[in-house]
Amino acid sequence: MTSMNFIGLDIHKKTISYCVKGAAGEVLAEGTILSTRQSLDVWMRTLCEPWTVAMEATMFTGWIYDYLLPHAAAVKVAHPLMLRAIAAAKKKNDRIDACKIADCLRCNFLPECYMASTEIRERRRTLRYRKLLVRQNVQLRNKVSQMLMESGVVYNKQKLHKVGYFKELMTTNPDIGEGLRPLLTICRETIVRIGKTEGALVRSLARDPLLSDRVQRLMTIPAVGPITALTWVLEVDDVARFGSVKQAISYCGLCGAERSSADMVKRMPISKQRNKHLQSVLVEAAKLGPRLSPDLALVYETEKQKGHANRATIAVARKLVAYLLAVDRSGREFVVAGERREAA
């Protein structure tokens, strides 16, 4: 029976360093190839089957993972924060990194991370692009206000970005000079265009057959709108990956880091190891939650008595994670606990 070959890849923008090792740890091949599909085709023809490959999670990993998956016995992606042994080595280069990844794979020590399906990753890219558009929209709105203030133009802050008010301001305010007018017009047109594009992206994702059922169920939870529901579905993907609510809360970055030694346990501030996209939308939803749900309002007030308002907001966000996890697991719409007991 042919033994398995283990391959470690160190991926960069233009090149891929590889190391092929046998079951006993002997180096069978190593080198560098171009990070193109044609180069990968030629390289895979030189490999003896069966083979399994591992690589570190980077921005280039997704397409290489998809391209190698049909040809390999297994393709694994390593968690970058768990591979600190490579970065801590005295001597570090691409060849050594590839060999160490191959050794971790061969000895079953590879800290593997979750890899979402191609379909989910494509839709996730669309949602993250929508977040970029929102950020640019806010920057342009702030720039309009800045240019008006620089010119000493008096305006109503609440109405500035209303279509009718902006047109009236541009036509009737004598303080807007000829040099400022075209810049304001360009900013306004760009803001409108970005807003339409952002809305179209959200509607296309919400109507997507792969996501629509889950999104509609999650939106029955108080304070969970289409953006929060879509972010949960696309960032979490398979909800079965979380064995408990604590794991989901940790993934969302809603708990502090822990530093323990002997009998001393220290709780640190909110951990930086999190999914930042989920964290931001859950915190925003948690600020709105107490206004829409008596249960969330109770959680907020109880925690606020123990500390400041930020602590209470994080507690509400954790409660929302518990709701999202329960609804997603059960496949049923959200029902308030009291109503559930009455129905039973």
Protein backbone atom coordinates (compact mmCIF):
# COMPACT_ATOMS: atom_id res chain seq x y z
CA MET A 1 0.00 0.00 0.00
CA THR A 2 1.38 3.43 -0.95
CA SER A 3 2.08 5.65 2.06
CA MET A 4 0.66 9.12 2.34
CA ASN A 5 2.76 12.12 1.33
CA PHE A 6 2.45 15.28 3.43
CA ILE A 7 2.88 18.70 1.85
CA GLY A 8 3.35 22.06 3.54
CA LEU A 9 2.74 25.27 1.61
CA ASP A 10 3.95 28.79 2.43
CA ILE A 11 1.87 31.09 0.24
CA HIS A 12 2.71 34.58 -0.94
CA LYS A 13 1.29 36.90 -3.57
CA LYS A 14 3.52 35.72 -6.42
CA THR A 15 5.13 32.48 -5.20
CA ILE A 16 4.37 29.34 -3.23
CA SER A 17 7.10 27.51 -1.32
CA TYR A 18 6.43 23.81 -0.82
CA CYS A 19 7.90 20.91 1.09
CA VAL A 20 6.88 17.28 0.47
CA LYS A 21 7.62 14.77 3.24
CA GLY A 22 7.03 11.08 3.63
CA ALA A 23 5.43 9.33 6.58
CA ALA A 24 8.84 8.92 8.27
CA GLY A 25 9.69 12.60 7.90
CA GLU A 26 12.10 12.31 4.98
CA VAL A 27 12.10 15.22 2.54
CA LEU A 28 10.92 13.99 -0.86
CA ALA A 29 10.84 17.33 -2.66
CA GLU A 30 10.96 21.03 -1.95
CA GLY A 31 11.09 24.22 -3.95
CA THR A 32 9.16 27.25 -5.14
CA ILE A 33 6.50 27.64 -7.82
CA LEU A 34 4.52 30.59 -9.13
CA SER A 35 1.14 31.17 -7.48
CA THR A 36 -0.87 30.60 -10.65
CA ARG A 37 -3.29 27.87 -11.65
CA GLN A 38 -1.06 26.79 -14.55
CA SER A 39 1.95 26.35 -12.24
CA LEU A 40 -0.15 24.36 -9.77
CA ASP A 41 -1.30 22.04 -12.58
CA VAL A 42 2.29 21.31 -13.62
CA TRP A 43 3.39 20.86 -9.99
CA MET A 44 0.55 18.45 -9.11
CA ARG A 45 1.58 16.15 -11.97
CA THR A 46 4.94 15.62 -10.24
CA LEU A 47 3.36 14.44 -6.97
CA CYS A 48 2.95 10.78 -6.05
CA GLU A 49 -0.56 9.96 -4.88
CA PRO A 50 -2.04 9.90 -2.34
CA TRP A 51 -1.07 13.25 -0.82
CA THR A 52 -2.50 15.66 1.71
CA VAL A 53 -1.63 19.32 1.93
CA ALA A 54 -1.70 22.05 4.59
CA MET A 55 -1.29 25.82 4.34
CA GLU A 56 -1.56 28.84 6.58
CA ALA A 57 -4.68 31.00 6.41
CA THR A 58 -3.91 34.15 4.41
CA MET A 59 -5.80 36.33 1.92
CA PHE A 60 -4.50 34.09 -0.88
CA THR A 61 -5.56 30.80 0.70
CA GLY A 62 -9.16 30.62 -0.55
CA TRP A 63 -8.62 30.09 -4.27
CA ILE A 64 -5.66 27.74 -3.73
CA TYR A 65 -7.75 25.69 -1.29
CA ASP A 66 -10.56 25.38 -3.85
CA TYR A 67 -8.14 24.51 -6.65
CA LEU A 68 -6.30 21.75 -4.75
CA LEU A 69 -9.35 20.21 -3.05
CA PRO A 70 -10.49 17.95 -5.96
CA HIS A 71 -6.99 16.48 -6.38
CA ALA A 72 -5.82 15.93 -2.79
CA ALA A 73 -6.78 13.29 -0.24
CA ALA A 74 -7.29 16.19 2.19
CA VAL A 75 -6.64 19.94 2.24
CA LYS A 76 -6.22 21.62 5.62
CA VAL A 77 -5.84 25.26 6.61
CA ALA A 78 -3.81 26.13 9.69
CA HIS A 79 -4.79 28.81 12.18
CA PRO A 80 -2.16 31.60 11.85
CA LEU A 81 -2.20 32.58 15.53
CA MET A 82 -1.54 28.99 16.53
CA LEU A 83 1.55 28.72 14.33
CA ARG A 84 3.62 31.09 16.43
CA ALA A 85 6.35 28.46 16.73
CA ILE A 86 7.33 29.34 13.16
CA ALA A 87 7.54 33.05 13.86
CA ALA A 88 9.46 32.48 17.11
CA ALA A 89 12.22 30.45 15.44
CA LYS A 90 15.70 31.97 15.25
CA LYS A 91 15.97 31.21 11.54
CA LYS A 92 12.90 31.80 9.44
CA ASN A 93 12.37 31.68 5.68
CA ASP A 94 9.78 30.34 3.25
CA ARG A 95 11.46 26.94 2.85
CA ILE A 96 11.67 26.36 6.62
CA ASP A 97 8.06 27.52 7.10
CA ALA A 98 6.82 25.05 4.49
CA CYS A 99 8.81 22.20 6.13
CA LYS A 100 7.41 22.99 9.58
CA ILE A 101 3.84 23.06 8.27
CA ALA A 102 4.46 19.68 6.62
CA ASP A 103 5.82 18.30 9.93
CA CYS A 104 2.79 19.59 11.85
CA LEU A 105 0.52 17.93 9.30
CA ARG A 106 2.49 14.66 9.36
CA CYS A 107 2.47 14.44 13.17
CA ASN A 108 -1.18 15.49 13.46
CA PHE A 109 -0.19 18.65 15.35
CA LEU A 110 -1.61 21.08 12.82
CA PRO A 111 -3.88 23.69 14.50
CA GLU A 112 -6.59 23.48 11.86
CA CYS A 113 -9.09 26.30 11.40
CA TYR A 114 -12.59 26.15 9.95
CA MET A 115 -12.86 26.67 6.20
CA ALA A 116 -16.26 27.72 4.89
CA SER A 117 -17.62 26.42 1.61
CA THR A 118 -16.89 28.25 -1.64
CA GLU A 119 -20.52 29.41 -1.95
CA ILE A 120 -20.52 30.96 1.52
CA ARG A 121 -17.13 32.62 1.02
CA GLU A 122 -18.30 34.23 -2.22
CA ARG A 123 -21.40 35.67 -0.55
CA ARG A 124 -19.33 36.70 2.49
CA ARG A 125 -17.08 38.70 0.16
CA THR A 126 -20.14 40.55 -1.12
CA LEU A 127 -21.32 41.42 2.39
CA ARG A 128 -17.86 42.64 3.42
CA TYR A 129 -17.72 44.76 0.29
CA ARG A 130 -21.02 46.31 1.36
CA LYS A 131 -19.35 47.23 4.67
CA LEU A 132 -16.62 49.03 2.73
CA LEU A 133 -19.25 51.01 0.83
CA VAL A 134 -20.94 52.06 4.09
CA ARG A 135 -17.60 53.24 5.47
CA GLN A 136 -16.91 55.27 2.34
CA ASN A 137 -20.41 56.74 2.44
CA VAL A 138 -19.87 57.96 6.00
CA GLN A 139 -16.50 59.47 5.04
CA LEU A 140 -18.08 61.39 2.16
CA ARG A 141 -20.89 62.69 4.36
CA ASN A 142 -18.34 63.90 6.89
CA LYS A 143 -16.34 65.51 4.08
CA VAL A 144 -19.40 67.47 2.91
CA SER A 145 -19.91 68.81 6.44
CA GLN A 146 -16.22 69.65 6.71
CA MET A 147 -16.17 71.63 3.45
CA LEU A 148 -19.26 73.59 4.47
CA MET A 149 -17.79 74.44 7.86
CA GLU A 150 -14.48 75.49 6.27
CA SER A 151 -16.40 77.98 4.13
CA GLY A 152 -18.51 79.31 7.01
CA VAL A 153 -21.77 78.00 5.56
CA VAL A 154 -24.61 77.70 8.08
CA TYR A 155 -26.66 74.51 7.61
CA ASN A 156 -29.01 72.16 9.43
CA LYS A 157 -27.00 69.10 10.44
CA GLN A 158 -30.03 66.79 10.69
CA LYS A 159 -31.36 67.74 7.23
CA LEU A 160 -28.08 68.15 5.34
CA HIS A 161 -28.23 64.85 3.46
CA LYS A 162 -31.94 65.06 2.64
CA VAL A 163 -32.37 65.45 -1.12
CA GLY A 164 -34.70 68.45 -0.99
CA TYR A 165 -32.75 70.34 1.68
CA PHE A 166 -29.40 69.82 -0.07
CA LYS A 167 -30.74 71.15 -3.39
CA GLU A 168 -32.24 74.16 -1.62
CA LEU A 169 -28.97 74.81 0.20
CA MET A 170 -26.99 74.69 -3.05
CA THR A 171 -29.31 77.09 -4.89
CA THR A 172 -30.18 79.64 -2.19
CA ASN A 173 -27.14 79.92 0.11
CA PRO A 174 -24.88 82.78 -1.06
CA ASP A 175 -21.95 81.61 1.07
CA ILE A 176 -21.29 78.59 -1.17
CA GLY A 177 -18.65 79.79 -3.63
CA GLU A 178 -18.12 78.72 -7.22
CA GLY A 179 -15.03 76.70 -6.25
CA LEU A 180 -16.94 74.74 -3.58
CA ARG A 181 -20.12 74.04 -5.55
CA PRO A 182 -18.72 71.37 -7.97
CA LEU A 183 -17.01 69.49 -5.13
CA LEU A 184 -20.25 69.35 -3.15
CA THR A 185 -22.12 68.17 -6.25
CA ILE A 186 -19.62 65.36 -6.87
CA CYS A 187 -19.78 64.25 -3.22
CA ARG A 188 -23.59 64.25 -3.26
CA GLU A 189 -23.77 62.21 -6.48
CA THR A 190 -21.27 59.69 -5.12
CA ILE A 191 -23.21 59.37 -1.85
CA VAL A 192 -26.43 58.63 -3.75
CA ARG A 193 -24.69 56.11 -6.02
CA ILE A 194 -23.05 54.29 -3.11
CA GLY A 195 -26.35 54.18 -1.22
CA LYS A 196 -28.14 52.57 -4.17
CA THR A 197 -25.35 50.03 -4.67
CA GLU A 198 -25.28 49.14 -0.97
CA GLY A 199 -29.04 48.61 -0.90
CA ALA A 200 -28.93 46.42 -4.01
CA LEU A 201 -26.22 44.21 -2.49
CA VAL A 202 -28.21 43.69 0.72
CA ARG A 203 -31.41 42.86 -1.19
CA SER A 204 -29.63 40.36 -3.45
CA LEU A 205 -28.16 38.54 -0.45
CA ALA A 206 -31.43 38.55 1.49
CA ARG A 207 -33.23 36.97 -1.49
CA ASP A 208 -30.51 34.40 -2.13
CA PRO A 209 -32.08 30.88 -1.91
CA LEU A 210 -29.05 29.62 0.00
CA LEU A 211 -29.53 32.20 2.77
CA SER A 212 -33.12 33.46 2.72
CA ASP A 213 -34.73 30.86 5.03
CA ARG A 214 -32.08 31.20 7.74
CA VAL A 215 -32.09 34.99 7.49
CA GLN A 216 -35.89 35.20 7.84
CA ARG A 217 -35.85 32.96 10.94
CA LEU A 218 -33.08 34.97 12.59
CA MET A 219 -34.88 38.25 11.91
CA THR A 220 -37.71 37.14 14.23
CA ILE A 221 -35.30 37.85 17.14
CA PRO A 222 -35.71 41.36 18.63
CA ALA A 223 -33.08 43.86 17.38
CA VAL A 224 -31.86 41.47 14.66
CA GLY A 225 -32.28 43.04 11.24
CA PRO A 226 -31.14 41.91 7.78
CA ILE A 227 -27.52 43.05 8.25
CA THR A 228 -27.10 41.29 11.60
CA ALA A 229 -28.80 38.13 10.31
CA LEU A 230 -26.75 38.06 7.09
CA THR A 231 -23.52 38.65 8.99
CA TRP A 232 -24.28 35.80 11.38
CA VAL A 233 -25.17 33.38 8.59
CA LEU A 234 -22.17 34.19 6.39
CA GLU A 235 -19.52 34.53 9.11
CA VAL A 236 -20.64 31.48 11.14
CA ASP A 237 -21.70 29.26 8.21
CA ASP A 238 -22.24 25.90 9.96
CA VAL A 239 -23.66 26.55 13.42
CA ALA A 240 -22.75 22.99 14.50
CA ARG A 241 -19.11 24.07 14.75
CA PHE A 242 -19.92 25.62 18.15
CA GLY A 243 -20.35 23.09 20.93
CA SER A 244 -21.70 25.65 23.39
CA VAL A 245 -22.85 29.25 23.73
CA LYS A 246 -19.50 30.11 25.35
CA GLN A 247 -17.65 29.08 22.21
CA ALA A 248 -19.92 31.23 20.05
CA ILE A 249 -19.48 34.22 22.40
CA SER A 250 -15.71 33.77 22.27
CA TYR A 251 -15.76 33.61 18.46
CA CYS A 252 -17.75 36.86 18.35
CA GLY A 253 -15.19 38.60 20.58
CA LEU A 254 -17.62 39.34 23.41
CA CYS A 255 -15.50 37.97 26.26
CA GLY A 256 -12.19 38.93 27.85
CA ALA A 257 -8.92 37.09 27.48
CA GLU A 258 -7.63 35.02 30.41
CA ARG A 259 -4.12 34.90 31.86
CA SER A 260 -3.67 32.15 34.46
CA SER A 261 -0.64 30.97 36.37
CA ALA A 262 -0.77 28.61 39.36
CA ASP A 263 -3.67 29.85 41.53
CA MET A 264 -3.74 33.33 40.01
CA VAL A 265 -6.38 34.03 37.36
CA LYS A 266 -6.53 37.39 35.60
CA ARG A 267 -9.33 38.46 33.31
CA MET A 268 -8.14 40.82 30.59
CA PRO A 269 -10.13 43.30 28.44
CA ILE A 270 -12.13 42.17 25.41
CA SER A 271 -9.99 39.81 23.37
CA LYS A 272 -8.57 40.89 20.00
CA GLN A 273 -8.86 37.32 18.75
CA ARG A 274 -12.36 37.48 17.34
CA ASN A 275 -14.45 37.83 14.24
CA LYS A 276 -14.48 41.63 13.98
CA HIS A 277 -17.38 41.68 11.52
CA LEU A 278 -19.69 39.80 13.89
CA GLN A 279 -18.49 41.74 16.90
CA SER A 280 -19.30 45.14 15.40
CA VAL A 281 -22.83 44.28 14.19
CA LEU A 282 -23.73 42.53 17.46
CA VAL A 283 -22.61 45.51 19.54
CA GLU A 284 -24.70 47.84 17.34
CA ALA A 285 -27.71 45.52 17.65
CA ALA A 286 -27.19 45.35 21.42
CA LYS A 287 -27.50 49.14 21.67
CA LEU A 288 -30.91 48.93 20.03
CA GLY A 289 -32.07 45.73 21.75
CA PRO A 290 -33.25 47.12 25.13
CA ARG A 291 -35.71 49.43 23.32
CA LEU A 292 -37.33 46.54 21.45
CA SER A 293 -37.38 43.70 23.99
CA PRO A 294 -38.32 43.72 27.69
CA ASP A 295 -36.05 40.72 28.29
CA LEU A 296 -33.04 42.50 26.77
CA ALA A 297 -33.95 45.66 28.69
CA LEU A 298 -33.87 43.63 31.93
CA VAL A 299 -30.44 42.23 31.06
CA TYR A 300 -29.20 45.74 30.31
CA GLU A 301 -30.48 47.28 33.55
CA THR A 302 -29.20 44.39 35.69
CA GLU A 303 -25.68 44.64 34.27
CA LYS A 304 -25.66 48.43 34.32
CA GLN A 305 -26.17 48.36 38.09
CA LYS A 306 -22.97 46.30 38.40
CA GLY A 307 -20.85 48.56 36.18
CA HIS A 308 -20.96 51.10 33.38
CA ALA A 309 -23.09 51.17 30.24
CA ASN A 310 -20.49 49.47 28.02
CA ARG A 311 -20.54 46.40 30.26
CA ALA A 312 -24.33 46.27 29.97
CA THR A 313 -24.16 46.54 26.18
CA ILE A 314 -21.74 43.62 25.99
CA ALA A 315 -24.08 41.56 28.21
CA VAL A 316 -26.98 42.25 25.83
CA ALA A 317 -24.78 41.28 22.86
CA ARG A 318 -23.99 37.95 24.57
CA LYS A 319 -27.71 37.36 25.06
CA LEU A 320 -28.27 38.02 21.36
CA VAL A 321 -25.61 35.42 20.54
CA ALA A 322 -27.51 32.89 22.67
CA TYR A 323 -30.74 33.74 20.81
CA LEU A 324 -29.08 33.50 17.40
CA LEU A 325 -27.45 30.18 18.23
CA ALA A 326 -30.70 28.68 19.57
CA VAL A 327 -32.81 29.78 16.58
CA ASP A 328 -30.18 28.66 14.08
CA ARG A 329 -29.81 25.24 15.71
CA SER A 330 -33.51 24.55 16.11
CA GLY A 331 -34.55 25.77 12.66
CA ARG A 332 -37.62 27.44 14.22
CA GLU A 333 -38.58 31.09 14.62
CA PHE A 334 -37.85 32.94 17.85
CA VAL A 335 -40.50 32.73 20.56
CA VAL A 336 -40.42 34.59 23.89
CA ALA A 337 -39.95 32.22 26.82
CA GLY A 338 -43.29 33.08 28.46
CA GLU A 339 -45.22 32.54 25.23
CA ARG A 340 -43.45 29.21 24.72
CA ARG A 341 -44.58 27.98 28.15
CA GLU A 342 -48.18 29.07 27.50
CA ALA A 343 -48.21 27.26 24.16
CA ALA A 344 -46.95 24.08 25.82
